Amino acid sequence: PGNAPLKFNEQFEIRENARTTFTADFAPVLRGNGRYLLRPVPSGI
């Protein structure tokens, strides 16, 4: 998207003496021009 990084908007914490696991979700979507666009999926974060 826009030759830019893929942004995953989910507020999260890094906690002391703890492990935070952030899972980022992608989806390739076929567009009308026959090309695919790689997009983030907020509902899968």
All heavy atoms as atom14 arrays in JSON, in Angstrom:
{
  "sequence": "PGNAPLKFNEQFEIRENARTTFTADFAPVLRGNGRYLLRPVPSGI",
  "atom14_mask": [
    [1, 1, 1, 1, 1, 1, 1, 0, 0, 0, 0, 0, 0, 0],
    [1, 1, 1, 1, 0, 0, 0, 0, 0, 0, 0, 0, 0, 0],
    [1, 1, 1, 1, 1, 1, 1, 1, 0, 0, 0, 0, 0, 0],
    [1, 1, 1, 1, 1, 0, 0, 0, 0, 0, 0, 0, 0, 0],
    [1, 1, 1, 1, 1, 1, 1, 0, 0, 0, 0, 0, 0, 0],
    [1, 1, 1, 1, 1, 1, 1, 1, 0, 0, 0, 0, 0, 0],
    [1, 1, 1, 1, 1, 1, 1, 1, 1, 0, 0, 0, 0, 0],
    [1, 1, 1, 1, 1, 1, 1, 1, 1, 1, 1, 0, 0, 0],
    [1, 1, 1, 1, 1, 1, 1, 1, 0, 0, 0, 0, 0, 0],
    [1, 1, 1, 1, 1, 1, 1, 1, 1, 0, 0, 0, 0, 0],
    [1, 1, 1, 1, 1, 1, 1, 1, 1, 0, 0, 0, 0, 0],
    [1, 1, 1, 1, 1, 1, 1, 1, 1, 1, 1, 0, 0, 0],
    [1, 1, 1, 1, 1, 1, 1, 1, 1, 0, 0, 0, 0, 0],
    [1, 1, 1, 1, 1, 1, 1, 1, 0, 0, 0, 0, 0, 0],
    [1, 1, 1, 1, 1, 1, 1, 1, 1, 1, 1, 0, 0, 0],
    [1, 1, 1, 1, 1, 1, 1, 1, 1, 0, 0, 0, 0, 0],
    [1, 1, 1, 1, 1, 1, 1, 1, 0, 0, 0, 0, 0, 0],
    [1, 1, 1, 1, 1, 0, 0, 0, 0, 0, 0, 0, 0, 0],
    [1, 1, 1, 1, 1, 1, 1, 1, 1, 1, 1, 0, 0, 0],
    [1, 1, 1, 1, 1, 1, 1, 0, 0, 0, 0, 0, 0, 0],
    [1, 1, 1, 1, 1, 1, 1, 0, 0, 0, 0, 0, 0, 0],
    [1, 1, 1, 1, 1, 1, 1, 1, 1, 1, 1, 0, 0, 0],
    [1, 1, 1, 1, 1, 1, 1, 0, 0, 0, 0, 0, 0, 0],
    [1, 1, 1, 1, 1, 0, 0, 0, 0, 0, 0, 0, 0, 0],
    [1, 1, 1, 1, 1, 1, 1, 1, 0, 0, 0, 0, 0, 0],
    [1, 1, 1, 1, 1, 1, 1, 1, 1, 1, 1, 0, 0, 0],
    [1, 1, 1, 1, 1, 0, 0, 0, 0, 0, 0, 0, 0, 0],
    [1, 1, 1, 1, 1, 1, 1, 0, 0, 0, 0, 0, 0, 0],
    [1, 1, 1, 1, 1, 1, 1, 0, 0, 0, 0, 0, 0, 0],
    [1, 1, 1, 1, 1, 1, 1, 1, 0, 0, 0, 0, 0, 0],
    [1, 1, 1, 1, 1, 1, 1, 1, 1, 1, 1, 0, 0, 0],
    [1, 1, 1, 1, 0, 0, 0, 0, 0, 0, 0, 0, 0, 0],
    [1, 1, 1, 1, 1, 1, 1, 1, 0, 0, 0, 0, 0, 0],
    [1, 1, 1, 1, 0, 0, 0, 0, 0, 0, 0, 0, 0, 0],
    [1, 1, 1, 1, 1, 1, 1, 1, 1, 1, 1, 0, 0, 0],
    [1, 1, 1, 1, 1, 1, 1, 1, 1, 1, 1, 1, 0, 0],
    [1, 1, 1, 1, 1, 1, 1, 1, 0, 0, 0, 0, 0, 0],
    [1, 1, 1, 1, 1, 1, 1, 1, 0, 0, 0, 0, 0, 0],
    [1, 1, 1, 1, 1, 1, 1, 1, 1, 1, 1, 0, 0, 0],
    [1, 1, 1, 1, 1, 1, 1, 0, 0, 0, 0, 0, 0, 0],
    [1, 1, 1, 1, 1, 1, 1, 0, 0, 0, 0, 0, 0, 0],
    [1, 1, 1, 1, 1, 1, 1, 0, 0, 0, 0, 0, 0, 0],
    [1, 1, 1, 1, 1, 1, 0, 0, 0, 0, 0, 0, 0, 0],
    [1, 1, 1, 1, 0, 0, 0, 0, 0, 0, 0, 0, 0, 0],
    [1, 1, 1, 1, 1, 1, 1, 1, 0, 0, 0, 0, 0, 0]
  ],
  "atom14_positions": [
    [[0.82, -1.22, 0.0], [0.0, 0.0, 0.0], [0.84, 1.26, 0.0], [1.53, 1.56, 0.97], [-0.83, -0.11, 1.28], [-0.08, -1.06, 2.13], [0.6, -2.03, 1.2], [0.0, 0.0, 0.0], [0.0, 0.0, 0.0], [0.0, 0.0, 0.0], [0.0, 0.0, 0.0], [0.0, 0.0, 0.0], [0.0, 0.0, 0.0], [0.0, 0.0, 0.0]],
    [[0.81, 1.99, -1.1], [1.53, 3.26, -1.18], [3.02, 3.1, -1.09], [3.72, 4.05, -0.76], [0.0, 0.0, 0.0], [0.0, 0.0, 0.0], [0.0, 0.0, 0.0], [0.0, 0.0, 0.0], [0.0, 0.0, 0.0], [0.0, 0.0, 0.0], [0.0, 0.0, 0.0], [0.0, 0.0, 0.0], [0.0, 0.0, 0.0], [0.0, 0.0, 0.0]],
    [[3.56, 1.9, -1.4], [5.0, 1.65, -1.24], [5.47, 2.04, 0.16], [6.58, 2.52, 0.35], [5.82, 2.41, -2.29], [5.63, 1.83, -3.67], [5.39, 0.63, -3.81], [5.71, 2.66, -4.68], [0.0, 0.0, 0.0], [0.0, 0.0, 0.0], [0.0, 0.0, 0.0], [0.0, 0.0, 0.0], [0.0, 0.0, 0.0], [0.0, 0.0, 0.0]],
    [[4.61, 1.87, 1.15], [4.91, 2.28, 2.53], [4.78, 1.08, 3.45], [4.23, 0.05, 3.07], [3.94, 3.39, 2.96], [0.0, 0.0, 0.0], [0.0, 0.0, 0.0], [0.0, 0.0, 0.0], [0.0, 0.0, 0.0], [0.0, 0.0, 0.0], [0.0, 0.0, 0.0], [0.0, 0.0, 0.0], [0.0, 0.0, 0.0], [0.0, 0.0, 0.0]],
    [[5.29, 1.2, 4.68], [5.17, 0.08, 5.62], [3.71, -0.24, 5.95], [2.83, 0.59, 5.79], [5.89, 0.61, 6.86], [6.76, 1.7, 6.37], [6.01, 2.32, 5.23], [0.0, 0.0, 0.0], [0.0, 0.0, 0.0], [0.0, 0.0, 0.0], [0.0, 0.0, 0.0], [0.0, 0.0, 0.0], [0.0, 0.0, 0.0], [0.0, 0.0, 0.0]],
    [[3.47, -1.44, 6.38], [2.13, -1.88, 6.76], [1.91, -1.59, 8.23], [2.64, -2.06, 9.1], [1.99, -3.38, 6.48], [1.98, -3.71, 4.99], [2.31, -5.18, 4.75], [0.62, -3.38, 4.39], [0.0, 0.0, 0.0], [0.0, 0.0, 0.0], [0.0, 0.0, 0.0], [0.0, 0.0, 0.0], [0.0, 0.0, 0.0], [0.0, 0.0, 0.0]],
    [[0.89, -0.81, 8.51], [0.65, -0.29, 9.85], [-0.48, -1.05, 10.53], [-1.55, -1.23, 9.95], [0.31, 1.2, 9.75], [0.2, 1.93, 11.07], [-0.01, 3.41, 10.79], [-0.03, 4.23, 12.06], [-0.23, 5.67, 11.75], [0.0, 0.0, 0.0], [0.0, 0.0, 0.0], [0.0, 0.0, 0.0], [0.0, 0.0, 0.0], [0.0, 0.0, 0.0]],
    [[-0.23, -1.48, 11.78], [-1.2, -2.26, 12.54], [-1.59, -1.45, 13.78], [-0.83, -1.37, 14.74], [-0.61, -3.61, 12.91], [-0.28, -4.44, 11.69], [0.94, -4.31, 11.06], [-1.22, -5.31, 11.17], [1.24, -5.05, 9.92], [-0.93, -6.06, 10.02], [0.3, -5.92, 9.41], [0.0, 0.0, 0.0], [0.0, 0.0, 0.0], [0.0, 0.0, 0.0]],
    [[-2.76, -0.85, 13.72], [-3.21, 0.06, 14.76], [-3.89, -0.7, 15.9], [-5.07, -1.01, 15.85], [-4.18, 1.1, 14.19], [-3.49, 2.05, 13.24], [-2.59, 2.79, 13.63], [-3.89, 2.02, 11.98], [0.0, 0.0, 0.0], [0.0, 0.0, 0.0], [0.0, 0.0, 0.0], [0.0, 0.0, 0.0], [0.0, 0.0, 0.0], [0.0, 0.0, 0.0]],
    [[-3.1, -1.04, 16.88], [-3.6, -1.72, 18.08], [-2.74, -1.25, 19.24], [-1.55, -1.53, 19.29], [-3.53, -3.23, 17.94], [-3.94, -4.01, 19.18], [-5.44, -3.96, 19.43], [-6.19, -3.74, 18.47], [-5.84, -4.14, 20.59], [0.0, 0.0, 0.0], [0.0, 0.0, 0.0], [0.0, 0.0, 0.0], [0.0, 0.0, 0.0], [0.0, 0.0, 0.0]],
    [[-3.34, -0.5, 20.16], [-2.58, -0.01, 21.3], [-2.17, -1.2, 22.19], [-2.97, -2.09, 22.45], [-3.4, 0.98, 22.1], [-2.59, 1.76, 23.12], [-3.32, 3.01, 23.59], [-4.53, 3.14, 23.41], [-2.6, 3.94, 24.18], [0.0, 0.0, 0.0], [0.0, 0.0, 0.0], [0.0, 0.0, 0.0], [0.0, 0.0, 0.0], [0.0, 0.0, 0.0]],
    [[-0.92, -1.21, 22.61], [-0.44, -2.33, 23.42], [0.63, -1.84, 24.39], [1.12, -0.72, 24.27], [0.12, -3.45, 22.53], [1.36, -3.09, 21.78], [2.62, -3.46, 22.23], [1.28, -2.38, 20.59], [3.76, -3.12, 21.53], [2.42, -2.04, 19.87], [3.66, -2.42, 20.35], [0.0, 0.0, 0.0], [0.0, 0.0, 0.0], [0.0, 0.0, 0.0]],
    [[0.97, -2.69, 25.35], [1.97, -2.35, 26.36], [3.18, -3.26, 26.26], [3.07, -4.41, 25.83], [1.38, -2.52, 27.77], [0.18, -1.67, 28.11], [-0.34, -2.04, 29.48], [0.44, -1.94, 30.46], [-1.51, -2.46, 29.58], [0.0, 0.0, 0.0], [0.0, 0.0, 0.0], [0.0, 0.0, 0.0], [0.0, 0.0, 0.0], [0.0, 0.0, 0.0]],
    [[4.31, -2.75, 26.68], [5.46, -3.58, 27.0], [5.6, -3.5, 28.51], [5.79, -2.41, 29.06], [6.73, -3.1, 26.28], [6.55, -3.25, 24.77], [7.95, -3.9, 26.76], [7.7, -2.72, 23.96], [0.0, 0.0, 0.0], [0.0, 0.0, 0.0], [0.0, 0.0, 0.0], [0.0, 0.0, 0.0], [0.0, 0.0, 0.0], [0.0, 0.0, 0.0]],
    [[5.43, -4.64, 29.16], [5.36, -4.68, 30.62], [6.66, -5.21, 31.21], [7.33, -6.05, 30.6], [4.19, -5.57, 31.06], [2.84, -5.09, 30.55], [1.72, -6.07, 30.88], [0.43, -5.58, 30.44], [-0.7, -6.28, 30.55], [-0.68, -7.5, 31.08], [-1.84, -5.76, 30.12], [0.0, 0.0, 0.0], [0.0, 0.0, 0.0], [0.0, 0.0, 0.0]],
    [[6.96, -4.72, 32.39], [8.19, -5.13, 33.07], [8.17, -6.62, 33.36], [7.17, -7.16, 33.85], [8.38, -4.33, 34.36], [9.69, -4.62, 35.07], [9.9, -3.74, 36.29], [8.99, -2.94, 36.61], [10.98, -3.86, 36.91], [0.0, 0.0, 0.0], [0.0, 0.0, 0.0], [0.0, 0.0, 0.0], [0.0, 0.0, 0.0], [0.0, 0.0, 0.0]],
    [[9.29, -7.28, 33.07], [9.45, -8.71, 33.34], [8.32, -9.55, 32.74], [7.86, -10.52, 33.33], [9.53, -8.97, 34.85], [10.72, -8.28, 35.48], [11.79, -8.18, 34.89], [10.53, -7.77, 36.7], [0.0, 0.0, 0.0], [0.0, 0.0, 0.0], [0.0, 0.0, 0.0], [0.0, 0.0, 0.0], [0.0, 0.0, 0.0], [0.0, 0.0, 0.0]],
    [[7.87, -9.15, 31.56], [6.8, -9.89, 30.87], [7.11, -9.93, 29.38], [7.89, -9.14, 28.87], [5.45, -9.23, 31.12], [0.0, 0.0, 0.0], [0.0, 0.0, 0.0], [0.0, 0.0, 0.0], [0.0, 0.0, 0.0], [0.0, 0.0, 0.0], [0.0, 0.0, 0.0], [0.0, 0.0, 0.0], [0.0, 0.0, 0.0], [0.0, 0.0, 0.0]],
    [[6.47, -10.88, 28.7], [6.64, -11.04, 27.25], [5.35, -10.64, 26.56], [4.3, -11.24, 26.8], [7.0, -12.49, 26.92], [7.29, -12.78, 25.44], [7.73, -14.24, 25.32], [8.21, -14.57, 23.99], [7.48, -15.15, 23.04], [6.21, -15.44, 23.29], [8.0, -15.43, 21.86], [0.0, 0.0, 0.0], [0.0, 0.0, 0.0], [0.0, 0.0, 0.0]],
    [[5.42, -9.64, 25.72], [4.29, -9.2, 24.91], [4.44, -9.8, 23.52], [5.45, -9.6, 22.86], [4.23, -7.68, 24.79], [4.12, -7.1, 26.1], [3.06, -7.22, 23.95], [0.0, 0.0, 0.0], [0.0, 0.0, 0.0], [0.0, 0.0, 0.0], [0.0, 0.0, 0.0], [0.0, 0.0, 0.0], [0.0, 0.0, 0.0], [0.0, 0.0, 0.0]],
    [[3.43, -10.54, 23.07], [3.46, -11.1, 21.72], [2.45, -10.36, 20.85], [1.25, -10.36, 21.13], [3.11, -12.6, 21.73], [4.04, -13.29, 22.57], [3.17, -13.17, 20.33], [0.0, 0.0, 0.0], [0.0, 0.0, 0.0], [0.0, 0.0, 0.0], [0.0, 0.0, 0.0], [0.0, 0.0, 0.0], [0.0, 0.0, 0.0], [0.0, 0.0, 0.0]],
    [[2.95, -9.7, 19.83], [2.11, -8.92, 18.91], [2.03, -9.68, 17.6], [3.04, -9.92, 16.94], [2.73, -7.54, 18.67], [1.83, -6.59, 17.9], [1.19, -5.55, 18.57], [1.66, -6.7, 16.54], [0.36, -4.67, 17.86], [0.84, -5.85, 15.83], [0.18, -4.82, 16.5], [0.0, 0.0, 0.0], [0.0, 0.0, 0.0], [0.0, 0.0, 0.0]],
    [[0.83, -10.1, 17.23], [0.63, -10.83, 15.98], [0.0, -9.92, 14.94], [-1.12, -9.44, 15.12], [-0.25, -12.07, 16.19], [0.35, -12.92, 17.17], [-0.42, -12.84, 14.89], [0.0, 0.0, 0.0], [0.0, 0.0, 0.0], [0.0, 0.0, 0.0], [0.0, 0.0, 0.0], [0.0, 0.0, 0.0], [0.0, 0.0, 0.0], [0.0, 0.0, 0.0]],
    [[0.73, -9.65, 13.86], [0.27, -8.79, 12.78], [-0.33, -9.66, 11.67], [0.25, -10.67, 11.28], [1.44, -7.97, 12.23], [0.0, 0.0, 0.0], [0.0, 0.0, 0.0], [0.0, 0.0, 0.0], [0.0, 0.0, 0.0], [0.0, 0.0, 0.0], [0.0, 0.0, 0.0], [0.0, 0.0, 0.0], [0.0, 0.0, 0.0], [0.0, 0.0, 0.0]],
    [[-1.49, -9.26, 11.17], [-2.25, -10.07, 10.22], [-2.28, -9.4, 8.85], [-2.64, -8.23, 8.72], [-3.67, -10.24, 10.75], [-4.38, -11.42, 10.14], [-3.94, -11.89, 9.08], [-5.38, -11.87, 10.71], [0.0, 0.0, 0.0], [0.0, 0.0, 0.0], [0.0, 0.0, 0.0], [0.0, 0.0, 0.0], [0.0, 0.0, 0.0], [0.0, 0.0, 0.0]],
    [[-1.91, -10.15, 7.8], [-1.93, -9.67, 6.42], [-3.08, -10.3, 5.63], [-3.58, -11.36, 5.99], [-0.64, -10.08, 5.69], [0.62, -9.47, 6.21], [1.45, -10.19, 7.05], [0.99, -8.2, 5.83], [2.64, -9.66, 7.5], [2.18, -7.65, 6.29], [3.0, -8.38, 7.11], [0.0, 0.0, 0.0], [0.0, 0.0, 0.0], [0.0, 0.0, 0.0]],
    [[-3.41, -9.69, 4.5], [-4.34, -10.3, 3.55], [-4.04, -9.79, 2.15], [-4.01, -8.58, 1.94], [-5.78, -9.99, 3.92], [0.0, 0.0, 0.0], [0.0, 0.0, 0.0], [0.0, 0.0, 0.0], [0.0, 0.0, 0.0], [0.0, 0.0, 0.0], [0.0, 0.0, 0.0], [0.0, 0.0, 0.0], [0.0, 0.0, 0.0], [0.0, 0.0, 0.0]],
    [[-3.82, -10.68, 1.16], [-3.69, -10.23, -0.23], [-5.09, -10.1, -0.83], [-5.92, -11.0, -0.69], [-2.9, -11.38, -0.87], [-3.3, -12.6, -0.1], [-3.58, -12.14, 1.31], [0.0, 0.0, 0.0], [0.0, 0.0, 0.0], [0.0, 0.0, 0.0], [0.0, 0.0, 0.0], [0.0, 0.0, 0.0], [0.0, 0.0, 0.0], [0.0, 0.0, 0.0]],
    [[-5.34, -8.99, -1.49], [-6.67, -8.73, -2.06], [-6.55, -8.47, -3.56], [-5.74, -7.63, -3.98], [-7.32, -7.5, -1.37], [-8.69, -7.21, -1.98], [-7.46, -7.74, 0.12], [0.0, 0.0, 0.0], [0.0, 0.0, 0.0], [0.0, 0.0, 0.0], [0.0, 0.0, 0.0], [0.0, 0.0, 0.0], [0.0, 0.0, 0.0], [0.0, 0.0, 0.0]],
    [[-7.31, -9.2, -4.36], [-7.3, -9.01, -5.81], [-8.06, -7.74, -6.16], [-9.19, -7.51, -5.7], [-7.96, -10.21, -6.5], [-8.04, -10.15, -8.03], [-6.64, -10.11, -8.64], [-8.84, -11.33, -8.56], [0.0, 0.0, 0.0], [0.0, 0.0, 0.0], [0.0, 0.0, 0.0], [0.0, 0.0, 0.0], [0.0, 0.0, 0.0], [0.0, 0.0, 0.0]],
    [[-7.42, -6.89, -6.98], [-8.04, -5.64, -7.38], [-8.54, -5.73, -8.81], [-8.26, -6.69, -9.53], [-7.04, -4.49, -7.22], [-6.55, -4.34, -5.78], [-5.67, -3.12, -5.63], [-4.41, -3.3, -6.32], [-3.5, -2.34, -6.46], [-3.73, -1.14, -5.96], [-2.37, -2.56, -7.1], [0.0, 0.0, 0.0], [0.0, 0.0, 0.0], [0.0, 0.0, 0.0]],
    [[-9.24, -4.68, -9.23], [-9.87, -4.69, -10.55], [-8.9, -4.71, -11.71], [-9.27, -5.08, -12.83], [0.0, 0.0, 0.0], [0.0, 0.0, 0.0], [0.0, 0.0, 0.0], [0.0, 0.0, 0.0], [0.0, 0.0, 0.0], [0.0, 0.0, 0.0], [0.0, 0.0, 0.0], [0.0, 0.0, 0.0], [0.0, 0.0, 0.0], [0.0, 0.0, 0.0]],
    [[-7.67, -4.32, -11.47], [-6.67, -4.3, -12.54], [-5.89, -5.6, -12.65], [-4.91, -5.68, -13.38], [-5.71, -3.13, -12.35], [-4.94, -3.21, -11.04], [-5.12, -4.15, -10.26], [-4.11, -2.23, -10.77], [0.0, 0.0, 0.0], [0.0, 0.0, 0.0], [0.0, 0.0, 0.0], [0.0, 0.0, 0.0], [0.0, 0.0, 0.0], [0.0, 0.0, 0.0]],
    [[-6.32, -6.63, -11.92], [-5.66, -7.92, -12.0], [-4.45, -8.05, -11.1], [-3.82, -9.11, -11.05], [0.0, 0.0, 0.0], [0.0, 0.0, 0.0], [0.0, 0.0, 0.0], [0.0, 0.0, 0.0], [0.0, 0.0, 0.0], [0.0, 0.0, 0.0], [0.0, 0.0, 0.0], [0.0, 0.0, 0.0], [0.0, 0.0, 0.0], [0.0, 0.0, 0.0]],
    [[-4.11, -6.99, -10.38], [-2.99, -7.03, -9.44], [-3.54, -7.27, -8.03], [-4.72, -7.07, -7.76], [-2.21, -5.7, -9.48], [-1.66, -5.37, -10.86], [-1.05, -3.97, -10.87], [0.16, -3.91, -10.07], [1.38, -4.13, -10.56], [1.54, -4.43, -11.83], [2.44, -4.06, -9.78], [0.0, 0.0, 0.0], [0.0, 0.0, 0.0], [0.0, 0.0, 0.0]],
    [[-2.64, -7.68, -7.13], [-3.02, -7.92, -5.75], [-2.43, -6.82, -4.86], [-1.36, -6.27, -5.15], [-2.51, -9.27, -5.28], [-3.18, -10.44, -5.96], [-2.74, -10.88, -7.21], [-4.25, -11.11, -5.35], [-3.36, -11.96, -7.83], [-4.87, -12.18, -5.98], [-4.41, -12.6, -7.23], [-5.03, -13.66, -7.85], [0.0, 0.0, 0.0], [0.0, 0.0, 0.0]],
    [[-3.13, -6.51, -3.79], [-2.66, -5.54, -2.81], [-2.55, -6.22, -1.46], [-3.48, -6.88, -1.0], [-3.62, -4.35, -2.71], [-3.23, -3.24, -1.72], [-1.96, -2.54, -2.18], [-4.36, -2.24, -1.56], [0.0, 0.0, 0.0], [0.0, 0.0, 0.0], [0.0, 0.0, 0.0], [0.0, 0.0, 0.0], [0.0, 0.0, 0.0], [0.0, 0.0, 0.0]],
    [[-1.39, -6.09, -0.83], [-1.18, -6.66, 0.5], [-1.61, -5.65, 1.54], [-1.11, -4.53, 1.58], [0.3, -7.01, 0.69], [0.65, -7.84, 1.92], [0.04, -9.23, 1.83], [2.16, -7.93, 2.07], [0.0, 0.0, 0.0], [0.0, 0.0, 0.0], [0.0, 0.0, 0.0], [0.0, 0.0, 0.0], [0.0, 0.0, 0.0], [0.0, 0.0, 0.0]],
    [[-2.55, -6.05, 2.39], [-3.12, -5.1, 3.36], [-3.11, -5.68, 4.77], [-3.19, -6.88, 4.96], [-4.56, -4.76, 2.97], [-4.66, -3.86, 1.77], [-6.09, -3.45, 1.52], [-6.18, -2.41, 0.51], [-7.32, -1.88, 0.08], [-8.46, -2.32, 0.57], [-7.31, -0.92, -0.83], [0.0, 0.0, 0.0], [0.0, 0.0, 0.0], [0.0, 0.0, 0.0]],
    [[-3.04, -4.79, 5.77], [-3.19, -5.25, 7.16], [-4.65, -5.53, 7.47], [-5.54, -4.94, 6.86], [-2.67, -4.05, 7.97], [-2.93, -2.87, 7.09], [-2.79, -3.35, 5.67], [0.0, 0.0, 0.0], [0.0, 0.0, 0.0], [0.0, 0.0, 0.0], [0.0, 0.0, 0.0], [0.0, 0.0, 0.0], [0.0, 0.0, 0.0], [0.0, 0.0, 0.0]],
    [[-4.89, -6.43, 8.39], [-6.26, -6.78, 8.8], [-6.41, -6.51, 10.29], [-5.97, -7.3, 11.13], [-6.57, -8.27, 8.5], [-8.01, -8.6, 8.9], [-6.34, -8.58, 7.03], [0.0, 0.0, 0.0], [0.0, 0.0, 0.0], [0.0, 0.0, 0.0], [0.0, 0.0, 0.0], [0.0, 0.0, 0.0], [0.0, 0.0, 0.0], [0.0, 0.0, 0.0]],
    [[-7.01, -5.37, 10.66], [-7.14, -5.02, 12.08], [-7.85, -6.08, 12.91], [-7.48, -6.33, 14.05], [-7.93, -3.71, 12.04], [-7.62, -3.12, 10.71], [-7.52, -4.3, 9.78], [0.0, 0.0, 0.0], [0.0, 0.0, 0.0], [0.0, 0.0, 0.0], [0.0, 0.0, 0.0], [0.0, 0.0, 0.0], [0.0, 0.0, 0.0], [0.0, 0.0, 0.0]],
    [[-8.88, -6.72, 12.34], [-9.65, -7.69, 13.12], [-8.83, -8.92, 13.46], [-9.22, -9.71, 14.31], [-10.92, -8.1, 12.36], [-10.58, -8.73, 11.14], [0.0, 0.0, 0.0], [0.0, 0.0, 0.0], [0.0, 0.0, 0.0], [0.0, 0.0, 0.0], [0.0, 0.0, 0.0], [0.0, 0.0, 0.0], [0.0, 0.0, 0.0], [0.0, 0.0, 0.0]],
    [[-7.69, -9.11, 12.79], [-6.86, -10.27, 13.06], [-5.7, -10.01, 13.99], [-4.96, -10.92, 14.34], [0.0, 0.0, 0.0], [0.0, 0.0, 0.0], [0.0, 0.0, 0.0], [0.0, 0.0, 0.0], [0.0, 0.0, 0.0], [0.0, 0.0, 0.0], [0.0, 0.0, 0.0], [0.0, 0.0, 0.0], [0.0, 0.0, 0.0], [0.0, 0.0, 0.0]],
    [[-5.52, -8.74, 14.42], [-4.42, -8.41, 15.33], [-4.67, -9.04, 16.69], [-5.78, -8.98, 17.23], [-4.29, -6.88, 15.49], [-3.96, -6.23, 14.14], [-3.19, -6.55, 16.51], [-4.03, -4.71, 14.2], [0.0, 0.0, 0.0], [0.0, 0.0, 0.0], [0.0, 0.0, 0.0], [0.0, 0.0, 0.0], [0.0, 0.0, 0.0], [0.0, 0.0, 0.0]]
  ]
}
